[in-house]
Structure formats: structure tokens, C-alpha cells
Amino acid sequence: FAAMKADYAAFAKTNQVLEMPAGYTADEQINLYA
């Protein structure tokens, strides 16, 4: 798990992945889109 998190951190830095905003939930976004 630690290795996977480190790999993701490197991937996020390389690809400029944005952090999720505070209070974001996928359910809320899916319902809004629907």
C-alpha cells in the first residue's frame, strides 16, 4: 500500500493532478450530472 501511494504521488506530480476540493464526493457529482 505504501509503495502504491508513493507511486501515485510520483504520478500526480508528473501529470499535475489536482487535489480534490474539500467536501467533494463522487455521489454528489454523479447526482448533479444525472
PDB file of all heavy atoms in Angstrom:
ATOM      1  N   PHE A   1       0.836  -1.205   0.000  1.00  0.00           N
ATOM      2  CA  PHE A   1       0.000   0.000   0.000  1.00  0.00           C
ATOM      3  C   PHE A   1       0.868   1.252   0.000  1.00  0.00           C
ATOM      4  O   PHE A   1       0.618   2.212  -0.740  1.00  0.00           O
ATOM      5  CB  PHE A   1      -0.951  -0.007   1.192  1.00  0.00           C
ATOM      6  CG  PHE A   1      -1.846   1.187   1.260  1.00  0.00           C
ATOM      7  CD1 PHE A   1      -2.841   1.382   0.314  1.00  0.00           C
ATOM      8  CD2 PHE A   1      -1.688   2.142   2.255  1.00  0.00           C
ATOM      9  CE1 PHE A   1      -3.674   2.493   0.362  1.00  0.00           C
ATOM     10  CE2 PHE A   1      -2.515   3.256   2.303  1.00  0.00           C
ATOM     11  CZ  PHE A   1      -3.508   3.430   1.363  1.00  0.00           C
ATOM     12  N   ALA A   2       1.921   1.256   0.831  1.00  0.00           N
ATOM     13  CA  ALA A   2       2.828   2.408   0.896  1.00  0.00           C
ATOM     14  C   ALA A   2       3.516   2.615  -0.457  1.00  0.00           C
ATOM     15  O   ALA A   2       3.675   3.755  -0.920  1.00  0.00           O
ATOM     16  CB  ALA A   2       3.849   2.210   1.997  1.00  0.00           C
ATOM     17  N   ALA A   3       3.902   1.522  -1.102  1.00  0.00           N
ATOM     18  CA  ALA A   3       4.543   1.625  -2.411  1.00  0.00           C
ATOM     19  C   ALA A   3       3.563   2.190  -3.433  1.00  0.00           C
ATOM     20  O   ALA A   3       3.939   3.029  -4.278  1.00  0.00           O
ATOM     21  CB  ALA A   3       5.052   0.257  -2.855  1.00  0.00           C
ATOM     22  N   MET A   4       2.324   1.740  -3.377  1.00  0.00           N
ATOM     23  CA  MET A   4       1.308   2.240  -4.305  1.00  0.00           C
ATOM     24  C   MET A   4       1.055   3.730  -4.085  1.00  0.00           C
ATOM     25  O   MET A   4       0.913   4.496  -5.047  1.00  0.00           O
ATOM     26  CB  MET A   4       0.006   1.445  -4.156  1.00  0.00           C
ATOM     27  CG  MET A   4       0.110   0.030  -4.693  1.00  0.00           C
ATOM     28  SD  MET A   4      -1.328  -0.981  -4.349  1.00  0.00           S
ATOM     29  CE  MET A   4      -2.568  -0.191  -5.341  1.00  0.00           C
ATOM     30  N   LYS A   5       1.001   4.149  -2.818  1.00  0.00           N
ATOM     31  CA  LYS A   5       0.802   5.572  -2.532  1.00  0.00           C
ATOM     32  C   LYS A   5       1.977   6.405  -3.040  1.00  0.00           C
ATOM     33  O   LYS A   5       1.794   7.489  -3.596  1.00  0.00           O
ATOM     34  CB  LYS A   5       0.605   5.787  -1.024  1.00  0.00           C
ATOM     35  CG  LYS A   5      -0.793   5.423  -0.556  1.00  0.00           C
ATOM     36  CD  LYS A   5      -1.037   5.841   0.856  1.00  0.00           C
ATOM     37  CE  LYS A   5      -1.293   7.316   0.871  1.00  0.00           C
ATOM     38  NZ  LYS A   5      -1.857   7.831   2.106  1.00  0.00           N
ATOM     39  N   ALA A   6       3.181   5.887  -2.875  1.00  0.00           N
ATOM     40  CA  ALA A   6       4.365   6.604  -3.358  1.00  0.00           C
ATOM     41  C   ALA A   6       4.344   6.687  -4.881  1.00  0.00           C
ATOM     42  O   ALA A   6       4.663   7.745  -5.460  1.00  0.00           O
ATOM     43  CB  ALA A   6       5.634   5.902  -2.875  1.00  0.00           C
ATOM     44  N   ASP A   7       3.962   5.602  -5.528  1.00  0.00           N
ATOM     45  CA  ASP A   7       3.857   5.618  -6.989  1.00  0.00           C
ATOM     46  C   ASP A   7       2.812   6.627  -7.460  1.00  0.00           C
ATOM     47  O   ASP A   7       3.024   7.348  -8.433  1.00  0.00           O
ATOM     48  CB  ASP A   7       3.512   4.221  -7.523  1.00  0.00           C
ATOM     49  CG  ASP A   7       4.670   3.251  -7.403  1.00  0.00           C
ATOM     50  OD1 ASP A   7       5.817   3.713  -7.207  1.00  0.00           O
ATOM     51  OD2 ASP A   7       4.413   2.034  -7.502  1.00  0.00           O
ATOM     52  N   TYR A   8       1.689   6.666  -6.758  1.00  0.00           N
ATOM     53  CA  TYR A   8       0.647   7.617  -7.150  1.00  0.00           C
ATOM     54  C   TYR A   8       1.115   9.052  -6.925  1.00  0.00           C
ATOM     55  O   TYR A   8       0.842   9.932  -7.747  1.00  0.00           O
ATOM     56  CB  TYR A   8      -0.659   7.370  -6.386  1.00  0.00           C
ATOM     57  CG  TYR A   8      -1.717   8.379  -6.778  1.00  0.00           C
ATOM     58  CD1 TYR A   8      -2.363   8.266  -7.992  1.00  0.00           C
ATOM     59  CD2 TYR A   8      -2.023   9.470  -5.962  1.00  0.00           C
ATOM     60  CE1 TYR A   8      -3.307   9.206  -8.400  1.00  0.00           C
ATOM     61  CE2 TYR A   8      -2.950  10.412  -6.352  1.00  0.00           C
ATOM     62  CZ  TYR A   8      -3.594  10.280  -7.568  1.00  0.00           C
ATOM     63  OH  TYR A   8      -4.504  11.210  -7.966  1.00  0.00           O
ATOM     64  N   ALA A   9       1.818   9.298  -5.829  1.00  0.00           N
ATOM     65  CA  ALA A   9       2.326  10.646  -5.564  1.00  0.00           C
ATOM     66  C   ALA A   9       3.273  11.076  -6.687  1.00  0.00           C
ATOM     67  O   ALA A   9       3.209  12.224  -7.156  1.00  0.00           O
ATOM     68  CB  ALA A   9       3.021  10.696  -4.217  1.00  0.00           C
ATOM     69  N   ALA A  10       4.106  10.171  -7.147  1.00  0.00           N
ATOM     70  CA  ALA A  10       5.013  10.497  -8.254  1.00  0.00           C
ATOM     71  C   ALA A  10       4.217  10.744  -9.538  1.00  0.00           C
ATOM     72  O   ALA A  10       4.508  11.686 -10.285  1.00  0.00           O
ATOM     73  CB  ALA A  10       6.018   9.360  -8.451  1.00  0.00           C
ATOM     74  N   PHE A  11       3.224   9.914  -9.789  1.00  0.00           N
ATOM     75  CA  PHE A  11       2.372  10.080 -10.965  1.00  0.00           C
ATOM     76  C   PHE A  11       1.646  11.424 -10.912  1.00  0.00           C
ATOM     77  O   PHE A  11       1.581  12.151 -11.909  1.00  0.00           O
ATOM     78  CB  PHE A  11       1.351   8.933 -11.022  1.00  0.00           C
ATOM     79  CG  PHE A  11       0.262   9.134 -12.037  1.00  0.00           C
ATOM     80  CD1 PHE A  11       0.478   8.839 -13.365  1.00  0.00           C
ATOM     81  CD2 PHE A  11      -0.988   9.625 -11.658  1.00  0.00           C
ATOM     82  CE1 PHE A  11      -0.525   9.025 -14.312  1.00  0.00           C
ATOM     83  CE2 PHE A  11      -1.981   9.820 -12.585  1.00  0.00           C
ATOM     84  CZ  PHE A  11      -1.759   9.521 -13.917  1.00  0.00           C
ATOM     85  N   ALA A  12       1.093  11.766  -9.750  1.00  0.00           N
ATOM     86  CA  ALA A  12       0.349  13.013  -9.595  1.00  0.00           C
ATOM     87  C   ALA A  12       1.254  14.216  -9.829  1.00  0.00           C
ATOM     88  O   ALA A  12       0.839  15.192 -10.475  1.00  0.00           O
ATOM     89  CB  ALA A  12      -0.279  13.073  -8.210  1.00  0.00           C
ATOM     90  N   LYS A  13       2.471  14.143  -9.342  1.00  0.00           N
ATOM     91  CA  LYS A  13       3.387  15.269  -9.526  1.00  0.00           C
ATOM     92  C   LYS A  13       3.783  15.399 -10.998  1.00  0.00           C
ATOM     93  O   LYS A  13       3.804  16.507 -11.551  1.00  0.00           O
ATOM     94  CB  LYS A  13       4.626  15.069  -8.661  1.00  0.00           C
ATOM     95  CG  LYS A  13       5.561  16.239  -8.689  1.00  0.00           C
ATOM     96  CD  LYS A  13       6.703  16.056  -7.720  1.00  0.00           C
ATOM     97  CE  LYS A  13       7.595  17.282  -7.743  1.00  0.00           C
ATOM     98  NZ  LYS A  13       8.752  17.132  -6.875  1.00  0.00           N
ATOM     99  N   THR A  14       4.054  14.277 -11.640  1.00  0.00           N
ATOM    100  CA  THR A  14       4.465  14.291 -13.045  1.00  0.00           C
ATOM    101  C   THR A  14       3.346  14.801 -13.952  1.00  0.00           C
ATOM    102  O   THR A  14       3.582  15.583 -14.878  1.00  0.00           O
ATOM    103  CB  THR A  14       4.867  12.872 -13.501  1.00  0.00           C
ATOM    104  OG1 THR A  14       5.906  12.392 -12.646  1.00  0.00           O
ATOM    105  CG2 THR A  14       5.340  12.861 -14.932  1.00  0.00           C
ATOM    106  N   ASN A  15       2.131  14.383 -13.688  1.00  0.00           N
ATOM    107  CA  ASN A  15       0.995  14.709 -14.556  1.00  0.00           C
ATOM    108  C   ASN A  15       0.154  15.884 -14.057  1.00  0.00           C
ATOM    109  O   ASN A  15      -0.915  16.145 -14.592  1.00  0.00           O
ATOM    110  CB  ASN A  15       0.112  13.479 -14.732  1.00  0.00           C
ATOM    111  CG  ASN A  15       0.831  12.398 -15.497  1.00  0.00           C
ATOM    112  OD1 ASN A  15       1.163  12.576 -16.658  1.00  0.00           O
ATOM    113  ND2 ASN A  15       1.112  11.286 -14.831  1.00  0.00           N
ATOM    114  N   GLN A  16       0.624  16.560 -13.025  1.00  0.00           N
ATOM    115  CA  GLN A  16      -0.040  17.745 -12.459  1.00  0.00           C
ATOM    116  C   GLN A  16      -1.504  17.468 -12.107  1.00  0.00           C
ATOM    117  O   GLN A  16      -2.412  18.219 -12.467  1.00  0.00           O
ATOM    118  CB  GLN A  16       0.059  18.922 -13.425  1.00  0.00           C
ATOM    119  CG  GLN A  16       1.481  19.315 -13.728  1.00  0.00           C
ATOM    120  CD  GLN A  16       1.581  20.417 -14.762  1.00  0.00           C
ATOM    121  OE1 GLN A  16       0.608  20.749 -15.430  1.00  0.00           O
ATOM    122  NE2 GLN A  16       2.755  20.994 -14.898  1.00  0.00           N
ATOM    123  N   VAL A  17      -1.710  16.381 -11.382  1.00  0.00           N
ATOM    124  CA  VAL A  17      -3.051  16.007 -10.935  1.00  0.00           C
ATOM    125  C   VAL A  17      -3.470  16.966  -9.819  1.00  0.00           C
ATOM    126  O   VAL A  17      -2.704  17.237  -8.894  1.00  0.00           O
ATOM    127  CB  VAL A  17      -3.077  14.545 -10.426  1.00  0.00           C
ATOM    128  CG1 VAL A  17      -4.430  14.200  -9.841  1.00  0.00           C
ATOM    129  CG2 VAL A  17      -2.714  13.596 -11.554  1.00  0.00           C
ATOM    130  N   LEU A  18      -4.686  17.484  -9.929  1.00  0.00           N
ATOM    131  CA  LEU A  18      -5.197  18.408  -8.921  1.00  0.00           C
ATOM    132  C   LEU A  18      -5.750  17.638  -7.732  1.00  0.00           C
ATOM    133  O   LEU A  18      -6.301  16.550  -7.880  1.00  0.00           O
ATOM    134  CB  LEU A  18      -6.298  19.286  -9.513  1.00  0.00           C
ATOM    135  CG  LEU A  18      -5.891  20.181 -10.675  1.00  0.00           C
ATOM    136  CD1 LEU A  18      -7.116  20.895 -11.241  1.00  0.00           C
ATOM    137  CD2 LEU A  18      -4.838  21.175 -10.250  1.00  0.00           C
ATOM    138  N   GLU A  19      -5.639  18.242  -6.563  1.00  0.00           N
ATOM    139  CA  GLU A  19      -6.216  17.653  -5.356  1.00  0.00           C
ATOM    140  C   GLU A  19      -7.739  17.828  -5.402  1.00  0.00           C
ATOM    141  O   GLU A  19      -8.248  18.784  -5.985  1.00  0.00           O
ATOM    142  CB  GLU A  19      -5.669  18.334  -4.101  1.00  0.00           C
ATOM    143  CG  GLU A  19      -4.195  18.062  -3.855  1.00  0.00           C
ATOM    144  CD  GLU A  19      -3.933  16.616  -3.519  1.00  0.00           C
ATOM    145  OE1 GLU A  19      -4.754  16.005  -2.797  1.00  0.00           O
ATOM    146  OE2 GLU A  19      -2.908  16.081  -3.991  1.00  0.00           O
ATOM    147  N   MET A  20      -8.438  16.928  -4.772  1.00  0.00           N
ATOM    148  CA  MET A  20      -9.897  17.044  -4.693  1.00  0.00           C
ATOM    149  C   MET A  20     -10.258  18.190  -3.757  1.00  0.00           C
ATOM    150  O   MET A  20      -9.646  18.355  -2.706  1.00  0.00           O
ATOM    151  CB  MET A  20     -10.521  15.749  -4.173  1.00  0.00           C
ATOM    152  CG  MET A  20     -10.404  14.622  -5.134  1.00  0.00           C
ATOM    153  SD  MET A  20     -11.316  15.046  -6.599  1.00  0.00           S
ATOM    154  CE  MET A  20     -11.307  13.536  -7.451  1.00  0.00           C
ATOM    155  N   PRO A  21     -11.261  18.989  -4.138  1.00  0.00           N
ATOM    156  CA  PRO A  21     -11.673  20.091  -3.260  1.00  0.00           C
ATOM    157  C   PRO A  21     -12.281  19.550  -1.968  1.00  0.00           C
ATOM    158  O   PRO A  21     -12.794  18.433  -1.928  1.00  0.00           O
ATOM    159  CB  PRO A  21     -12.719  20.844  -4.076  1.00  0.00           C
ATOM    160  CG  PRO A  21     -13.001  20.038  -5.286  1.00  0.00           C
ATOM    161  CD  PRO A  21     -11.993  18.954  -5.381  1.00  0.00           C
ATOM    162  N   ALA A  22     -12.231  20.366  -0.928  1.00  0.00           N
ATOM    163  CA  ALA A  22     -12.807  19.975   0.359  1.00  0.00           C
ATOM    164  C   ALA A  22     -14.305  19.754   0.213  1.00  0.00           C
ATOM    165  O   ALA A  22     -14.995  20.534  -0.441  1.00  0.00           O
ATOM    166  CB  ALA A  22     -12.530  21.051   1.401  1.00  0.00           C
ATOM    167  N   GLY A  23     -14.798  18.673   0.760  1.00  0.00           N
ATOM    168  CA  GLY A  23     -16.225  18.386   0.718  1.00  0.00           C
ATOM    169  C   GLY A  23     -16.686  17.703  -0.556  1.00  0.00           C
ATOM    170  O   GLY A  23     -17.872  17.460  -0.733  1.00  0.00           O
ATOM    171  N   TYR A  24     -15.775  17.380  -1.464  1.00  0.00           N
ATOM    172  CA  TYR A  24     -16.151  16.727  -2.715  1.00  0.00           C
ATOM    173  C   TYR A  24     -16.518  15.273  -2.464  1.00  0.00           C
ATOM    174  O   TYR A  24     -15.832  14.569  -1.740  1.00  0.00           O
ATOM    175  CB  TYR A  24     -14.989  16.779  -3.708  1.00  0.00           C
ATOM    176  CG  TYR A  24     -15.237  15.966  -4.959  1.00  0.00           C
ATOM    177  CD1 TYR A  24     -15.941  16.513  -6.014  1.00  0.00           C
ATOM    178  CD2 TYR A  24     -14.789  14.657  -5.066  1.00  0.00           C
ATOM    179  CE1 TYR A  24     -16.183  15.774  -7.163  1.00  0.00           C
ATOM    180  CE2 TYR A  24     -15.027  13.913  -6.201  1.00  0.00           C
ATOM    181  CZ  TYR A  24     -15.721  14.473  -7.243  1.00  0.00           C
ATOM    182  OH  TYR A  24     -15.959  13.737  -8.374  1.00  0.00           O
ATOM    183  N   THR A  25     -17.621  14.854  -3.045  1.00  0.00           N
ATOM    184  CA  THR A  25     -17.984  13.441  -3.015  1.00  0.00           C
ATOM    185  C   THR A  25     -18.399  13.041  -4.420  1.00  0.00           C
ATOM    186  O   THR A  25     -19.041  13.805  -5.143  1.00  0.00           O
ATOM    187  CB  THR A  25     -19.155  13.153  -2.053  1.00  0.00           C
ATOM    188  OG1 THR A  25     -20.299  13.848  -2.509  1.00  0.00           O
ATOM    189  CG2 THR A  25     -18.831  13.548  -0.624  1.00  0.00           C
ATOM    190  N   ALA A  26     -18.025  11.844  -4.810  1.00  0.00           N
ATOM    191  CA  ALA A  26     -18.377  11.364  -6.144  1.00  0.00           C
ATOM    192  C   ALA A  26     -19.889  11.226  -6.278  1.00  0.00           C
ATOM    193  O   ALA A  26     -20.453  11.517  -7.330  1.00  0.00           O
ATOM    194  CB  ALA A  26     -17.689  10.032  -6.419  1.00  0.00           C
ATOM    195  N   ASP A  27     -20.572  10.787  -5.219  1.00  0.00           N
ATOM    196  CA  ASP A  27     -22.027  10.624  -5.268  1.00  0.00           C
ATOM    197  C   ASP A  27     -22.720  11.940  -5.605  1.00  0.00           C
ATOM    198  O   ASP A  27     -23.639  11.988  -6.424  1.00  0.00           O
ATOM    199  CB  ASP A  27     -22.566  10.099  -3.936  1.00  0.00           C
ATOM    200  CG  ASP A  27     -22.165   8.657  -3.683  1.00  0.00           C
ATOM    201  OD1 ASP A  27     -21.793   7.970  -4.655  1.00  0.00           O
ATOM    202  OD2 ASP A  27     -22.231   8.227  -2.516  1.00  0.00           O
ATOM    203  N   GLU A  28     -22.284  13.000  -4.982  1.00  0.00           N
ATOM    204  CA  GLU A  28     -22.887  14.308  -5.226  1.00  0.00           C
ATOM    205  C   GLU A  28     -22.666  14.739  -6.678  1.00  0.00           C
ATOM    206  O   GLU A  28     -23.579  15.232  -7.344  1.00  0.00           O
ATOM    207  CB  GLU A  28     -22.274  15.325  -4.274  1.00  0.00           C
ATOM    208  CG  GLU A  28     -22.892  16.695  -4.330  1.00  0.00           C
ATOM    209  CD  GLU A  28     -22.292  17.637  -3.310  1.00  0.00           C
ATOM    210  OE1 GLU A  28     -21.906  17.174  -2.224  1.00  0.00           O
ATOM    211  OE2 GLU A  28     -22.223  18.836  -3.616  1.00  0.00           O
ATOM    212  N   GLN A  29     -21.466  14.523  -7.179  1.00  0.00           N
ATOM    213  CA  GLN A  29     -21.155  14.896  -8.559  1.00  0.00           C
ATOM    214  C   GLN A  29     -21.956  14.057  -9.556  1.00  0.00           C
ATOM    215  O   GLN A  29     -22.463  14.575 -10.546  1.00  0.00           O
ATOM    216  CB  GLN A  29     -19.650  14.723  -8.817  1.00  0.00           C
ATOM    217  CG  GLN A  29     -19.190  15.307 -10.116  1.00  0.00           C
ATOM    218  CD  GLN A  29     -19.331  16.821 -10.160  1.00  0.00           C
ATOM    219  OE1 GLN A  29     -19.171  17.504  -9.151  1.00  0.00           O
ATOM    220  NE2 GLN A  29     -19.635  17.358 -11.317  1.00  0.00           N
ATOM    221  N   ILE A  30     -22.089  12.769  -9.273  1.00  0.00           N
ATOM    222  CA  ILE A  30     -22.861  11.886 -10.157  1.00  0.00           C
ATOM    223  C   ILE A  30     -24.328  12.303 -10.173  1.00  0.00           C
ATOM    224  O   ILE A  30     -24.959  12.373 -11.235  1.00  0.00           O
ATOM    225  CB  ILE A  30     -22.716  10.422  -9.699  1.00  0.00           C
ATOM    226  CG1 ILE A  30     -21.289   9.936  -9.983  1.00  0.00           C
ATOM    227  CG2 ILE A  30     -23.735   9.526 -10.377  1.00  0.00           C
ATOM    228  CD1 ILE A  30     -20.939   8.633  -9.306  1.00  0.00           C
ATOM    229  N   ASN A  31     -24.889  12.589  -9.013  1.00  0.00           N
ATOM    230  CA  ASN A  31     -26.288  13.017  -8.946  1.00  0.00           C
ATOM    231  C   ASN A  31     -26.513  14.344  -9.661  1.00  0.00           C
ATOM    232  O   ASN A  31     -27.526  14.527 -10.341  1.00  0.00           O
ATOM    233  CB  ASN A  31     -26.750  13.108  -7.495  1.00  0.00           C
ATOM    234  CG  ASN A  31     -26.890  11.754  -6.852  1.00  0.00           C
ATOM    235  OD1 ASN A  31     -27.111  10.748  -7.529  1.00  0.00           O
ATOM    236  ND2 ASN A  31     -26.745  11.709  -5.542  1.00  0.00           N
ATOM    237  N   LEU A  32     -25.585  15.259  -9.518  1.00  0.00           N
ATOM    238  CA  LEU A  32     -25.698  16.555 -10.200  1.00  0.00           C
ATOM    239  C   LEU A  32     -25.662  16.362 -11.709  1.00  0.00           C
ATOM    240  O   LEU A  32     -26.476  16.935 -12.444  1.00  0.00           O
ATOM    241  CB  LEU A  32     -24.571  17.487  -9.748  1.00  0.00           C
ATOM    242  CG  LEU A  32     -24.554  18.871 -10.381  1.00  0.00           C
ATOM    243  CD1 LEU A  32     -25.811  19.647 -10.026  1.00  0.00           C
ATOM    244  CD2 LEU A  32     -23.319  19.635  -9.926  1.00  0.00           C
ATOM    245  N   TYR A  33     -24.744  15.546 -12.190  1.00  0.00           N
ATOM    246  CA  TYR A  33     -24.635  15.286 -13.625  1.00  0.00           C
ATOM    247  C   TYR A  33     -25.906  14.606 -14.137  1.00  0.00           C
ATOM    248  O   TYR A  33     -26.436  14.969 -15.185  1.00  0.00           O
ATOM    249  CB  TYR A  33     -23.411  14.414 -13.913  1.00  0.00           C
ATOM    250  CG  TYR A  33     -23.259  14.071 -15.372  1.00  0.00           C
ATOM    251  CD1 TYR A  33     -22.735  14.998 -16.265  1.00  0.00           C
ATOM    252  CD2 TYR A  33     -23.649  12.838 -15.863  1.00  0.00           C
ATOM    253  CE1 TYR A  33     -22.599  14.700 -17.612  1.00  0.00           C
ATOM    254  CE2 TYR A  33     -23.519  12.524 -17.206  1.00  0.00           C
ATOM    255  CZ  TYR A  33     -22.993  13.455 -18.076  1.00  0.00           C
ATOM    256  OH  TYR A  33     -22.868  13.152 -19.398  1.00  0.00           O
ATOM    257  N   ALA A  34     -26.398  13.620 -13.401  1.00  0.00           N
ATOM    258  CA  ALA A  34     -27.611  12.910 -13.820  1.00  0.00           C
ATOM    259  C   ALA A  34     -28.800  13.861 -13.875  1.00  0.00           C
ATOM    260  O   ALA A  34     -29.623  13.786 -14.792  1.00  0.00           O
ATOM    261  CB  ALA A  34     -27.896  11.753 -12.865  1.00  0.00           C
TER     262      ALA A  34
END
